[in-house]
């Protein structure tokens, strides 16, 4: 399978190396394309069967808008979820108070 990994930082490089070790052909989409496997974002997307974004959160929509219509057909972004709050601790013990599961010391 041809997979485009948008982003060439630590996360993108690690994902790409792992996917390559599993037999996939990986093309990296980069702001500064250099080398045979590093293309501009649009070329990486249009040359691949699957697109993985490994971009900083604030950059994702900008890159997808830059790529244009081809990206909107190939990519989807997850909905933002609110972060889960850890259980409150009791002042006397410092241990988490009873969780919704009814147990103490709930790991989160």
N, C-alpha and C. Protein backbone atom coordinates (compact mmCIF):
# COMPACT_ATOMS: atom_id res chain seq x y z
N UNK A 1 0.85 -1.17 0.00
CA UNK A 1 0.00 0.00 0.00
C UNK A 1 0.89 1.24 0.00
N UNK A 2 0.51 2.25 -0.74
CA UNK A 2 1.22 3.52 -0.76
C UNK A 2 0.62 4.43 0.30
N UNK A 3 1.44 4.87 1.24
CA UNK A 3 0.97 5.68 2.36
C UNK A 3 1.73 7.00 2.38
N UNK A 4 0.99 8.10 2.44
CA UNK A 4 1.60 9.42 2.60
C UNK A 4 1.59 9.77 4.08
N UNK A 5 2.74 10.16 4.60
CA UNK A 5 2.84 10.65 5.96
C UNK A 5 3.15 12.14 5.84
N UNK A 6 2.19 12.96 6.24
CA UNK A 6 2.40 14.40 6.19
C UNK A 6 3.10 14.83 7.47
N UNK A 7 4.33 15.25 7.34
CA UNK A 7 5.14 15.64 8.48
C UNK A 7 6.38 14.78 8.56
N UNK A 8 7.51 15.43 8.74
CA UNK A 8 8.78 14.70 8.76
C UNK A 8 9.53 14.89 10.08
N UNK A 9 8.81 15.26 11.12
CA UNK A 9 9.42 15.39 12.44
C UNK A 9 9.58 14.03 13.10
N UNK A 10 9.70 14.05 14.42
CA UNK A 10 9.90 12.79 15.16
C UNK A 10 8.75 11.82 14.95
N UNK A 11 7.53 12.30 15.05
CA UNK A 11 6.36 11.41 14.93
C UNK A 11 6.24 10.89 13.50
N UNK A 12 6.31 11.78 12.51
CA UNK A 12 6.18 11.35 11.12
C UNK A 12 7.28 10.39 10.69
N UNK A 13 8.51 10.68 11.11
CA UNK A 13 9.64 9.80 10.76
C UNK A 13 9.50 8.42 11.40
N UNK A 14 9.06 8.40 12.65
CA UNK A 14 8.87 7.12 13.35
C UNK A 14 7.75 6.31 12.72
N UNK A 15 6.62 6.97 12.43
CA UNK A 15 5.52 6.26 11.78
C UNK A 15 5.94 5.73 10.41
N UNK A 16 6.61 6.56 9.64
CA UNK A 16 7.05 6.15 8.31
C UNK A 16 8.01 4.97 8.35
N UNK A 17 8.95 5.00 9.29
CA UNK A 17 9.90 3.89 9.40
C UNK A 17 9.19 2.60 9.78
N UNK A 18 8.23 2.70 10.68
CA UNK A 18 7.48 1.50 11.10
C UNK A 18 6.64 0.95 9.94
N UNK A 19 5.98 1.85 9.21
CA UNK A 19 5.17 1.41 8.08
C UNK A 19 6.04 0.78 6.99
N UNK A 20 7.21 1.35 6.75
CA UNK A 20 8.14 0.80 5.77
C UNK A 20 8.60 -0.59 6.18
N UNK A 21 8.86 -0.77 7.49
CA UNK A 21 9.30 -2.09 7.97
C UNK A 21 8.22 -3.14 7.82
N UNK A 22 6.97 -2.70 7.69
CA UNK A 22 5.85 -3.62 7.49
C UNK A 22 5.53 -3.84 6.02
N UNK A 23 6.38 -3.32 5.13
CA UNK A 23 6.23 -3.59 3.71
C UNK A 23 5.47 -2.54 2.92
N UNK A 24 5.11 -1.43 3.53
CA UNK A 24 4.39 -0.38 2.82
C UNK A 24 5.37 0.60 2.17
N UNK A 25 4.93 1.19 1.09
CA UNK A 25 5.71 2.26 0.45
C UNK A 25 5.27 3.57 1.07
N UNK A 26 6.20 4.31 1.67
CA UNK A 26 5.87 5.55 2.36
C UNK A 26 6.45 6.74 1.61
N UNK A 27 5.58 7.72 1.37
CA UNK A 27 6.00 8.99 0.81
C UNK A 27 5.74 10.05 1.86
N UNK A 28 6.74 10.86 2.15
CA UNK A 28 6.59 11.90 3.15
C UNK A 28 6.17 13.20 2.48
N UNK A 29 5.18 13.86 3.04
CA UNK A 29 4.79 15.19 2.60
C UNK A 29 5.48 16.19 3.50
N UNK A 30 6.22 17.12 2.91
CA UNK A 30 7.03 18.03 3.69
C UNK A 30 6.96 19.45 3.14
N UNK A 31 7.15 20.44 4.03
CA UNK A 31 7.26 21.83 3.58
C UNK A 31 8.52 22.03 2.78
N UNK A 32 9.55 21.26 3.10
CA UNK A 32 10.84 21.37 2.42
C UNK A 32 11.21 20.01 1.84
N UNK A 33 10.61 19.64 0.71
CA UNK A 33 10.85 18.31 0.14
C UNK A 33 12.28 18.18 -0.40
N UNK A 34 12.96 17.15 0.09
CA UNK A 34 14.31 16.83 -0.41
C UNK A 34 14.42 15.31 -0.46
N UNK A 35 14.94 14.81 -1.52
CA UNK A 35 15.11 13.37 -1.63
C UNK A 35 13.96 12.70 -2.34
N UNK A 36 14.16 11.45 -2.74
CA UNK A 36 13.16 10.75 -3.55
C UNK A 36 11.87 10.40 -2.80
N UNK A 37 11.92 10.23 -1.48
CA UNK A 37 10.71 9.86 -0.75
C UNK A 37 10.07 11.06 -0.04
N UNK A 38 10.62 12.25 -0.23
CA UNK A 38 10.06 13.47 0.39
C UNK A 38 9.53 14.37 -0.71
N UNK A 39 8.22 14.55 -0.70
CA UNK A 39 7.54 15.34 -1.72
C UNK A 39 6.83 16.51 -1.07
N UNK A 40 6.34 17.43 -1.89
CA UNK A 40 5.47 18.45 -1.32
C UNK A 40 4.17 17.77 -0.89
N UNK A 41 3.42 18.43 -0.04
CA UNK A 41 2.22 17.80 0.54
C UNK A 41 1.24 17.32 -0.53
N UNK A 42 0.95 18.14 -1.51
CA UNK A 42 -0.02 17.77 -2.56
C UNK A 42 0.43 16.53 -3.32
N UNK A 43 1.69 16.47 -3.72
CA UNK A 43 2.18 15.32 -4.49
C UNK A 43 2.14 14.04 -3.66
N UNK A 44 2.47 14.14 -2.38
CA UNK A 44 2.42 12.96 -1.51
C UNK A 44 0.99 12.43 -1.40
N UNK A 45 0.02 13.36 -1.23
CA UNK A 45 -1.39 12.95 -1.09
C UNK A 45 -1.90 12.32 -2.37
N UNK A 46 -1.64 12.95 -3.51
CA UNK A 46 -2.19 12.44 -4.77
C UNK A 46 -1.52 11.15 -5.22
N UNK A 47 -0.35 10.83 -4.67
CA UNK A 47 0.36 9.61 -5.06
C UNK A 47 0.13 8.44 -4.10
N UNK A 48 -0.77 8.60 -3.15
CA UNK A 48 -0.93 7.59 -2.11
C UNK A 48 -2.36 7.07 -2.00
N UNK A 49 -2.47 5.87 -1.40
CA UNK A 49 -3.77 5.27 -1.15
C UNK A 49 -4.34 5.70 0.20
N UNK A 50 -3.45 6.04 1.13
CA UNK A 50 -3.83 6.39 2.49
C UNK A 50 -2.98 7.55 2.94
N UNK A 51 -3.57 8.48 3.69
CA UNK A 51 -2.84 9.65 4.18
C UNK A 51 -2.90 9.67 5.70
N UNK A 52 -1.73 9.85 6.32
CA UNK A 52 -1.61 9.98 7.77
C UNK A 52 -1.04 11.36 8.05
N UNK A 53 -1.69 12.11 8.93
CA UNK A 53 -1.13 13.41 9.30
C UNK A 53 -0.34 13.27 10.58
N UNK A 54 0.89 13.75 10.54
CA UNK A 54 1.76 13.79 11.71
C UNK A 54 2.28 15.22 11.84
N UNK A 55 1.33 16.13 11.75
CA UNK A 55 1.64 17.56 11.80
C UNK A 55 1.22 18.13 13.14
N UNK A 56 1.84 19.24 13.56
CA UNK A 56 1.34 19.91 14.76
C UNK A 56 -0.13 20.27 14.56
N UNK A 57 -0.91 20.15 15.62
CA UNK A 57 -2.35 20.38 15.53
C UNK A 57 -2.76 21.68 14.88
N UNK A 58 -2.02 22.74 15.13
CA UNK A 58 -2.37 24.04 14.57
C UNK A 58 -2.09 24.13 13.08
N UNK A 59 -1.29 23.23 12.54
CA UNK A 59 -0.90 23.28 11.13
C UNK A 59 -1.76 22.42 10.21
N UNK A 60 -2.51 21.49 10.77
CA UNK A 60 -3.22 20.50 9.95
C UNK A 60 -4.18 21.17 8.96
N UNK A 61 -5.08 22.01 9.45
CA UNK A 61 -6.07 22.61 8.55
C UNK A 61 -5.42 23.51 7.51
N UNK A 62 -4.36 24.21 7.88
CA UNK A 62 -3.65 25.06 6.92
C UNK A 62 -3.05 24.25 5.79
N UNK A 63 -2.45 23.11 6.12
CA UNK A 63 -1.86 22.25 5.10
C UNK A 63 -2.95 21.65 4.22
N UNK A 64 -4.05 21.20 4.83
CA UNK A 64 -5.14 20.63 4.02
C UNK A 64 -5.75 21.68 3.10
N UNK A 65 -5.89 22.90 3.57
CA UNK A 65 -6.39 23.98 2.71
C UNK A 65 -5.41 24.28 1.59
N UNK A 66 -4.11 24.23 1.89
CA UNK A 66 -3.08 24.46 0.88
C UNK A 66 -3.13 23.39 -0.22
N UNK A 67 -3.36 22.15 0.19
CA UNK A 67 -3.42 21.05 -0.78
C UNK A 67 -4.65 21.18 -1.66
N UNK A 68 -5.78 21.56 -1.07
CA UNK A 68 -6.99 21.78 -1.85
C UNK A 68 -7.93 20.61 -1.86
N UNK A 69 -8.73 20.53 -2.93
CA UNK A 69 -9.81 19.55 -3.04
C UNK A 69 -9.33 18.11 -2.94
N UNK A 70 -8.16 17.82 -3.49
CA UNK A 70 -7.64 16.44 -3.44
C UNK A 70 -7.49 15.98 -1.99
N UNK A 71 -7.07 16.90 -1.13
CA UNK A 71 -6.90 16.55 0.29
C UNK A 71 -8.22 16.29 0.96
N UNK A 72 -9.24 17.06 0.63
CA UNK A 72 -10.52 16.87 1.31
C UNK A 72 -11.16 15.56 0.91
N UNK A 73 -10.85 15.03 -0.25
CA UNK A 73 -11.35 13.71 -0.64
C UNK A 73 -10.55 12.60 0.01
N UNK A 74 -9.27 12.87 0.31
CA UNK A 74 -8.38 11.84 0.81
C UNK A 74 -8.23 11.82 2.32
N UNK A 75 -8.48 12.95 2.97
CA UNK A 75 -8.19 13.07 4.40
C UNK A 75 -9.44 13.41 5.18
N UNK A 76 -9.44 13.02 6.41
CA UNK A 76 -10.46 13.49 7.34
C UNK A 76 -9.77 13.77 8.66
N UNK A 77 -10.26 14.74 9.39
CA UNK A 77 -9.67 15.08 10.68
C UNK A 77 -10.64 14.66 11.77
N UNK A 78 -10.12 14.13 12.87
CA UNK A 78 -11.01 13.71 13.96
C UNK A 78 -11.64 14.91 14.66
N UNK A 79 -12.79 14.67 15.26
CA UNK A 79 -13.42 15.72 16.06
C UNK A 79 -12.61 15.93 17.32
N UNK A 80 -12.57 17.15 17.77
CA UNK A 80 -11.85 17.45 19.02
C UNK A 80 -12.68 16.94 20.19
N UNK A 81 -12.04 16.21 21.07
CA UNK A 81 -12.73 15.71 22.26
C UNK A 81 -12.22 16.50 23.47
N UNK A 82 -13.09 16.67 24.43
CA UNK A 82 -12.65 17.36 25.64
C UNK A 82 -11.79 16.41 26.46
N UNK A 83 -10.76 16.94 27.13
CA UNK A 83 -9.89 16.06 27.91
C UNK A 83 -10.63 15.47 29.11
N UNK A 84 -10.24 14.26 29.46
CA UNK A 84 -10.85 13.58 30.60
C UNK A 84 -10.22 14.11 31.88
N UNK A 85 -11.02 14.42 32.85
CA UNK A 85 -10.51 14.93 34.11
C UNK A 85 -10.15 13.78 35.04
N UNK A 86 -8.99 13.88 35.71
CA UNK A 86 -8.67 12.83 36.69
C UNK A 86 -9.56 13.00 37.91
N UNK A 87 -9.79 11.92 38.67
CA UNK A 87 -10.63 12.02 39.86
C UNK A 87 -10.00 12.96 40.89
N UNK A 88 -10.84 13.62 41.66
CA UNK A 88 -10.36 14.53 42.69
C UNK A 88 -9.83 13.72 43.88
N UNK A 89 -8.77 14.21 44.51
CA UNK A 89 -8.23 13.50 45.67
C UNK A 89 -8.88 14.02 46.94
N UNK A 90 -8.90 13.17 47.96
CA UNK A 90 -9.43 13.60 49.25
C UNK A 90 -8.32 14.30 50.02
N UNK A 91 -8.63 15.36 50.74
CA UNK A 91 -7.58 16.12 51.42
C UNK A 91 -6.80 15.31 52.45
N UNK A 92 -7.45 14.39 53.15
CA UNK A 92 -6.79 13.67 54.24
C UNK A 92 -5.75 12.67 53.73
N UNK A 93 -6.04 11.97 52.66
CA UNK A 93 -5.15 10.88 52.23
C UNK A 93 -4.35 11.20 50.98
N UNK A 94 -4.86 12.11 50.15
CA UNK A 94 -4.21 12.37 48.88
C UNK A 94 -4.54 11.34 47.82
N UNK A 95 -5.30 10.30 48.21
CA UNK A 95 -5.72 9.28 47.25
C UNK A 95 -6.93 9.78 46.49
N UNK A 96 -7.10 9.31 45.26
CA UNK A 96 -8.30 9.70 44.53
C UNK A 96 -9.56 9.28 45.26
N UNK A 97 -10.55 10.16 45.23
CA UNK A 97 -11.82 9.82 45.86
C UNK A 97 -12.52 8.77 45.01
N UNK A 98 -13.64 8.28 45.47
CA UNK A 98 -14.33 7.22 44.73
C UNK A 98 -14.64 7.68 43.32
N UNK A 99 -14.33 6.83 42.38
CA UNK A 99 -14.58 7.15 40.99
C UNK A 99 -15.99 6.71 40.63
N UNK A 100 -16.35 6.95 39.41
CA UNK A 100 -17.68 6.53 38.95
C UNK A 100 -17.82 5.02 38.95
N UNK A 101 -16.67 4.30 39.05
CA UNK A 101 -16.71 2.84 39.09
C UNK A 101 -16.78 2.31 40.52
N UNK A 102 -16.74 3.23 41.49
CA UNK A 102 -16.88 2.81 42.87
C UNK A 102 -15.62 2.29 43.51
N UNK A 103 -14.46 2.46 42.91
CA UNK A 103 -13.23 1.97 43.51
C UNK A 103 -12.30 3.12 43.86
N UNK A 104 -11.44 2.88 44.83
CA UNK A 104 -10.43 3.89 45.19
C UNK A 104 -9.16 3.61 44.40
N UNK A 105 -8.37 4.63 44.24
CA UNK A 105 -7.08 4.45 43.56
C UNK A 105 -7.20 4.19 42.08
N UNK A 106 -8.23 4.71 41.46
CA UNK A 106 -8.46 4.52 40.03
C UNK A 106 -7.27 5.08 39.24
N UNK A 107 -6.67 4.28 38.40
CA UNK A 107 -5.56 4.74 37.56
C UNK A 107 -6.12 5.44 36.33
N UNK A 108 -5.54 6.53 35.99
CA UNK A 108 -5.98 7.25 34.78
C UNK A 108 -4.85 7.50 33.86
